[in-house]
Amino acid sequence: MESEKNQRAKNWSHGEIAALAGAIEKHYTSLFGRFSQNLTSKDKSSLWKMIAEE
């Protein structure tokens, strides 16, 4: 029973890593830029959510 509890999650596939890296590269300035009137935390959260869904 305990062995089931302590199992590691599977590693990400190469395709998943490539997709994540591509999406971050595409939106890098918005994800890691400074907050301003045109870039809010809500905007950043929305981008991360979109990336996660892709």
PDB file of N, CA and C in Angstrom:
ATOM      1  N   MET A   1       0.819  -1.196   0.000  1.00  0.00           N
ATOM      2  CA  MET A   1       0.000   0.000   0.000  1.00  0.00           C
ATOM      3  C   MET A   1       0.863   1.260   0.000  1.00  0.00           C
ATOM      4  N   GLU A   2       1.918   1.269   0.792  1.00  0.00           N
ATOM      5  CA  GLU A   2       2.764   2.440   0.850  1.00  0.00           C
ATOM      6  C   GLU A   2       3.541   2.653  -0.443  1.00  0.00           C
ATOM      7  N   SER A   3       3.888   1.580  -1.149  1.00  0.00           N
ATOM      8  CA  SER A   3       4.628   1.737  -2.391  1.00  0.00           C
ATOM      9  C   SER A   3       3.800   2.489  -3.434  1.00  0.00           C
ATOM     10  N   GLU A   4       2.486   2.323  -3.427  1.00  0.00           N
ATOM     11  CA  GLU A   4       1.621   3.052  -4.346  1.00  0.00           C
ATOM     12  C   GLU A   4       1.619   4.539  -4.013  1.00  0.00           C
ATOM     13  N   LYS A   5       1.677   4.860  -2.754  1.00  0.00           N
ATOM     14  CA  LYS A   5       1.611   6.238  -2.303  1.00  0.00           C
ATOM     15  C   LYS A   5       2.873   7.007  -2.689  1.00  0.00           C
ATOM     16  N   ASN A   6       4.019   6.367  -2.710  1.00  0.00           N
ATOM     17  CA  ASN A   6       5.279   7.041  -2.932  1.00  0.00           C
ATOM     18  C   ASN A   6       5.794   6.943  -4.360  1.00  0.00           C
ATOM     19  N   GLN A   7       4.950   6.552  -5.308  1.00  0.00           N
ATOM     20  CA  GLN A   7       5.400   6.445  -6.685  1.00  0.00           C
ATOM     21  C   GLN A   7       5.588   7.828  -7.300  1.00  0.00           C
ATOM     22  N   ARG A   8       6.654   7.946  -8.098  1.00  0.00           N
ATOM     23  CA  ARG A   8       6.922   9.196  -8.798  1.00  0.00           C
ATOM     24  C   ARG A   8       5.989   9.340  -9.992  1.00  0.00           C
ATOM     25  N   ALA A   9       5.747  10.576 -10.342  1.00  0.00           N
ATOM     26  CA  ALA A   9       4.981  10.845 -11.549  1.00  0.00           C
ATOM     27  C   ALA A   9       5.867  10.571 -12.762  1.00  0.00           C
ATOM     28  N   LYS A  10       5.263  10.265 -13.884  1.00  0.00           N
ATOM     29  CA  LYS A  10       6.021  10.022 -15.104  1.00  0.00           C
ATOM     30  C   LYS A  10       6.693  11.308 -15.564  1.00  0.00           C
ATOM     31  N   ASN A  11       7.858  11.158 -16.195  1.00  0.00           N
ATOM     32  CA  ASN A  11       8.556  12.309 -16.754  1.00  0.00           C
ATOM     33  C   ASN A  11       7.808  12.825 -17.975  1.00  0.00           C
ATOM     34  N   TRP A  12       8.065  14.071 -18.314  1.00  0.00           N
ATOM     35  CA  TRP A  12       7.453  14.663 -19.489  1.00  0.00           C
ATOM     36  C   TRP A  12       8.100  14.082 -20.734  1.00  0.00           C
ATOM     37  N   SER A  13       7.334  13.948 -21.792  1.00  0.00           N
ATOM     38  CA  SER A  13       7.870  13.463 -23.058  1.00  0.00           C
ATOM     39  C   SER A  13       8.633  14.605 -23.735  1.00  0.00           C
ATOM     40  N   HIS A  14       9.452  14.252 -24.722  1.00  0.00           N
ATOM     41  CA  HIS A  14      10.200  15.271 -25.464  1.00  0.00           C
ATOM     42  C   HIS A  14       9.249  16.231 -26.176  1.00  0.00           C
ATOM     43  N   GLY A  15       8.145  15.711 -26.673  1.00  0.00           N
ATOM     44  CA  GLY A  15       7.153  16.550 -27.344  1.00  0.00           C
ATOM     45  C   GLY A  15       6.515  17.563 -26.404  1.00  0.00           C
ATOM     46  N   GLU A  16       6.216  17.125 -25.195  1.00  0.00           N
ATOM     47  CA  GLU A  16       5.622  18.030 -24.204  1.00  0.00           C
ATOM     48  C   GLU A  16       6.597  19.129 -23.820  1.00  0.00           C
ATOM     49  N   ILE A  17       7.858  18.774 -23.637  1.00  0.00           N
ATOM     50  CA  ILE A  17       8.877  19.768 -23.280  1.00  0.00           C
ATOM     51  C   ILE A  17       9.065  20.761 -24.423  1.00  0.00           C
ATOM     52  N   ALA A  18       9.102  20.267 -25.649  1.00  0.00           N
ATOM     53  CA  ALA A  18       9.260  21.142 -26.813  1.00  0.00           C
ATOM     54  C   ALA A  18       8.076  22.094 -26.949  1.00  0.00           C
ATOM     55  N   ALA A  19       6.869  21.590 -26.716  1.00  0.00           N
ATOM     56  CA  ALA A  19       5.670  22.428 -26.804  1.00  0.00           C
ATOM     57  C   ALA A  19       5.697  23.512 -25.733  1.00  0.00           C
ATOM     58  N   LEU A  20       6.096  23.156 -24.519  1.00  0.00           N
ATOM     59  CA  LEU A  20       6.184  24.127 -23.428  1.00  0.00           C
ATOM     60  C   LEU A  20       7.226  25.192 -23.737  1.00  0.00           C
ATOM     61  N   ALA A  21       8.406  24.765 -24.168  1.00  0.00           N
ATOM     62  CA  ALA A  21       9.478  25.704 -24.484  1.00  0.00           C
ATOM     63  C   ALA A  21       9.069  26.634 -25.626  1.00  0.00           C
ATOM     64  N   GLY A  22       8.415  26.105 -26.635  1.00  0.00           N
ATOM     65  CA  GLY A  22       7.968  26.930 -27.757  1.00  0.00           C
ATOM     66  C   GLY A  22       6.948  27.973 -27.338  1.00  0.00           C
ATOM     67  N   ALA A  23       6.011  27.579 -26.497  1.00  0.00           N
ATOM     68  CA  ALA A  23       4.979  28.513 -26.032  1.00  0.00           C
ATOM     69  C   ALA A  23       5.586  29.587 -25.141  1.00  0.00           C
ATOM     70  N   ILE A  24       6.536  29.213 -24.293  1.00  0.00           N
ATOM     71  CA  ILE A  24       7.194  30.200 -23.431  1.00  0.00           C
ATOM     72  C   ILE A  24       8.005  31.163 -24.281  1.00  0.00           C
ATOM     73  N   GLU A  25       8.723  30.644 -25.264  1.00  0.00           N
ATOM     74  CA  GLU A  25       9.517  31.504 -26.140  1.00  0.00           C
ATOM     75  C   GLU A  25       8.626  32.487 -26.894  1.00  0.00           C
ATOM     76  N   LYS A  26       7.490  32.016 -27.350  1.00  0.00           N
ATOM     77  CA  LYS A  26       6.554  32.848 -28.102  1.00  0.00           C
ATOM     78  C   LYS A  26       6.018  34.003 -27.255  1.00  0.00           C
ATOM     79  N   HIS A  27       5.779  33.748 -25.976  1.00  0.00           N
ATOM     80  CA  HIS A  27       5.160  34.742 -25.089  1.00  0.00           C
ATOM     81  C   HIS A  27       6.121  35.221 -23.989  1.00  0.00           C
ATOM     82  N   TYR A  28       7.414  35.087 -24.214  1.00  0.00           N
ATOM     83  CA  TYR A  28       8.415  35.355 -23.168  1.00  0.00           C
ATOM     84  C   TYR A  28       8.267  36.757 -22.564  1.00  0.00           C
ATOM     85  N   THR A  29       8.176  37.766 -23.417  1.00  0.00           N
ATOM     86  CA  THR A  29       8.111  39.147 -22.928  1.00  0.00           C
ATOM     87  C   THR A  29       6.896  39.371 -22.037  1.00  0.00           C
ATOM     88  N   SER A  30       5.774  38.819 -22.428  1.00  0.00           N
ATOM     89  CA  SER A  30       4.555  38.988 -21.628  1.00  0.00           C
ATOM     90  C   SER A  30       4.612  38.191 -20.332  1.00  0.00           C
ATOM     91  N   LEU A  31       5.197  36.993 -20.364  1.00  0.00           N
ATOM     92  CA  LEU A  31       5.241  36.143 -19.180  1.00  0.00           C
ATOM     93  C   LEU A  31       6.218  36.649 -18.128  1.00  0.00           C
ATOM     94  N   PHE A  32       7.344  37.187 -18.579  1.00  0.00           N
ATOM     95  CA  PHE A  32       8.392  37.559 -17.642  1.00  0.00           C
ATOM     96  C   PHE A  32       8.684  39.055 -17.606  1.00  0.00           C
ATOM     97  N   GLY A  33       7.866  39.858 -18.297  1.00  0.00           N
ATOM     98  CA  GLY A  33       8.049  41.304 -18.316  1.00  0.00           C
ATOM     99  C   GLY A  33       7.519  41.956 -17.055  1.00  0.00           C
ATOM    100  N   ARG A  34       7.806  43.237 -16.953  1.00  0.00           N
ATOM    101  CA  ARG A  34       7.328  43.994 -15.791  1.00  0.00           C
ATOM    102  C   ARG A  34       5.833  44.265 -15.917  1.00  0.00           C
ATOM    103  N   PHE A  35       5.189  44.393 -14.768  1.00  0.00           N
ATOM    104  CA  PHE A  35       3.776  44.752 -14.752  1.00  0.00           C
ATOM    105  C   PHE A  35       3.632  46.211 -15.176  1.00  0.00           C
ATOM    106  N   SER A  36       2.558  46.524 -15.873  1.00  0.00           N
ATOM    107  CA  SER A  36       2.266  47.884 -16.290  1.00  0.00           C
ATOM    108  C   SER A  36       0.763  47.991 -16.499  1.00  0.00           C
ATOM    109  N   GLN A  37       0.341  49.129 -17.028  1.00  0.00           N
ATOM    110  CA  GLN A  37      -1.085  49.277 -17.314  1.00  0.00           C
ATOM    111  C   GLN A  37      -1.509  48.324 -18.416  1.00  0.00           C
ATOM    112  N   ASN A  38      -0.568  47.971 -19.289  1.00  0.00           N
ATOM    113  CA  ASN A  38      -0.894  47.082 -20.401  1.00  0.00           C
ATOM    114  C   ASN A  38      -0.622  45.614 -20.090  1.00  0.00           C
ATOM    115  N   LEU A  39       0.071  45.334 -18.999  1.00  0.00           N
ATOM    116  CA  LEU A  39       0.407  43.956 -18.636  1.00  0.00           C
ATOM    117  C   LEU A  39       0.130  43.750 -17.146  1.00  0.00           C
ATOM    118  N   THR A  40      -0.939  43.061 -16.848  1.00  0.00           N
ATOM    119  CA  THR A  40      -1.340  42.843 -15.461  1.00  0.00           C
ATOM    120  C   THR A  40      -1.091  41.395 -15.062  1.00  0.00           C
ATOM    121  N   SER A  41      -1.203  41.118 -13.780  1.00  0.00           N
ATOM    122  CA  SER A  41      -1.040  39.743 -13.302  1.00  0.00           C
ATOM    123  C   SER A  41      -2.138  38.848 -13.881  1.00  0.00           C
ATOM    124  N   LYS A  42      -3.313  39.418 -14.131  1.00  0.00           N
ATOM    125  CA  LYS A  42      -4.402  38.657 -14.743  1.00  0.00           C
ATOM    126  C   LYS A  42      -4.021  38.224 -16.160  1.00  0.00           C
ATOM    127  N   ASP A  43      -3.361  39.128 -16.903  1.00  0.00           N
ATOM    128  CA  ASP A  43      -2.892  38.792 -18.253  1.00  0.00           C
ATOM    129  C   ASP A  43      -1.892  37.643 -18.201  1.00  0.00           C
ATOM    130  N   LYS A  44      -0.949  37.724 -17.269  1.00  0.00           N
ATOM    131  CA  LYS A  44       0.065  36.687 -17.139  1.00  0.00           C
ATOM    132  C   LYS A  44      -0.575  35.348 -16.751  1.00  0.00           C
ATOM    133  N   SER A  45      -1.506  35.379 -15.829  1.00  0.00           N
ATOM    134  CA  SER A  45      -2.195  34.158 -15.413  1.00  0.00           C
ATOM    135  C   SER A  45      -2.950  33.532 -16.576  1.00  0.00           C
ATOM    136  N   SER A  46      -3.590  34.374 -17.373  1.00  0.00           N
ATOM    137  CA  SER A  46      -4.318  33.874 -18.536  1.00  0.00           C
ATOM    138  C   SER A  46      -3.379  33.205 -19.537  1.00  0.00           C
ATOM    139  N   LEU A  47      -2.204  33.809 -19.747  1.00  0.00           N
ATOM    140  CA  LEU A  47      -1.231  33.217 -20.661  1.00  0.00           C
ATOM    141  C   LEU A  47      -0.744  31.867 -20.156  1.00  0.00           C
ATOM    142  N   TRP A  48      -0.421  31.781 -18.850  1.00  0.00           N
ATOM    143  CA  TRP A  48       0.038  30.499 -18.298  1.00  0.00           C
ATOM    144  C   TRP A  48      -1.054  29.438 -18.417  1.00  0.00           C
ATOM    145  N   LYS A  49      -2.310  29.830 -18.192  1.00  0.00           N
ATOM    146  CA  LYS A  49      -3.417  28.888 -18.317  1.00  0.00           C
ATOM    147  C   LYS A  49      -3.540  28.393 -19.756  1.00  0.00           C
ATOM    148  N   MET A  50      -3.414  29.313 -20.726  1.00  0.00           N
ATOM    149  CA  MET A  50      -3.482  28.949 -22.137  1.00  0.00           C
ATOM    150  C   MET A  50      -2.352  27.982 -22.498  1.00  0.00           C
ATOM    151  N   ILE A  51      -1.144  28.250 -21.994  1.00  0.00           N
ATOM    152  CA  ILE A  51       0.001  27.387 -22.265  1.00  0.00           C
ATOM    153  C   ILE A  51      -0.236  26.006 -21.675  1.00  0.00           C
ATOM    154  N   ALA A  52      -0.767  25.956 -20.469  1.00  0.00           N
ATOM    155  CA  ALA A  52      -1.027  24.667 -19.814  1.00  0.00           C
ATOM    156  C   ALA A  52      -2.055  23.850 -20.598  1.00  0.00           C
ATOM    157  N   GLU A  53      -3.057  24.507 -21.153  1.00  0.00           N
ATOM    158  CA  GLU A  53      -4.080  23.804 -21.918  1.00  0.00           C
ATOM    159  C   GLU A  53      -3.543  23.275 -23.245  1.00  0.00           C
ATOM    160  N   GLU A  54      -2.590  24.019 -23.838  1.00  0.00           N
ATOM    161  CA  GLU A  54      -1.994  23.560 -25.098  1.00  0.00           C
ATOM    162  C   GLU A  54      -1.213  22.296 -24.856  1.00  0.00           C
TER     163      GLU A  54
END
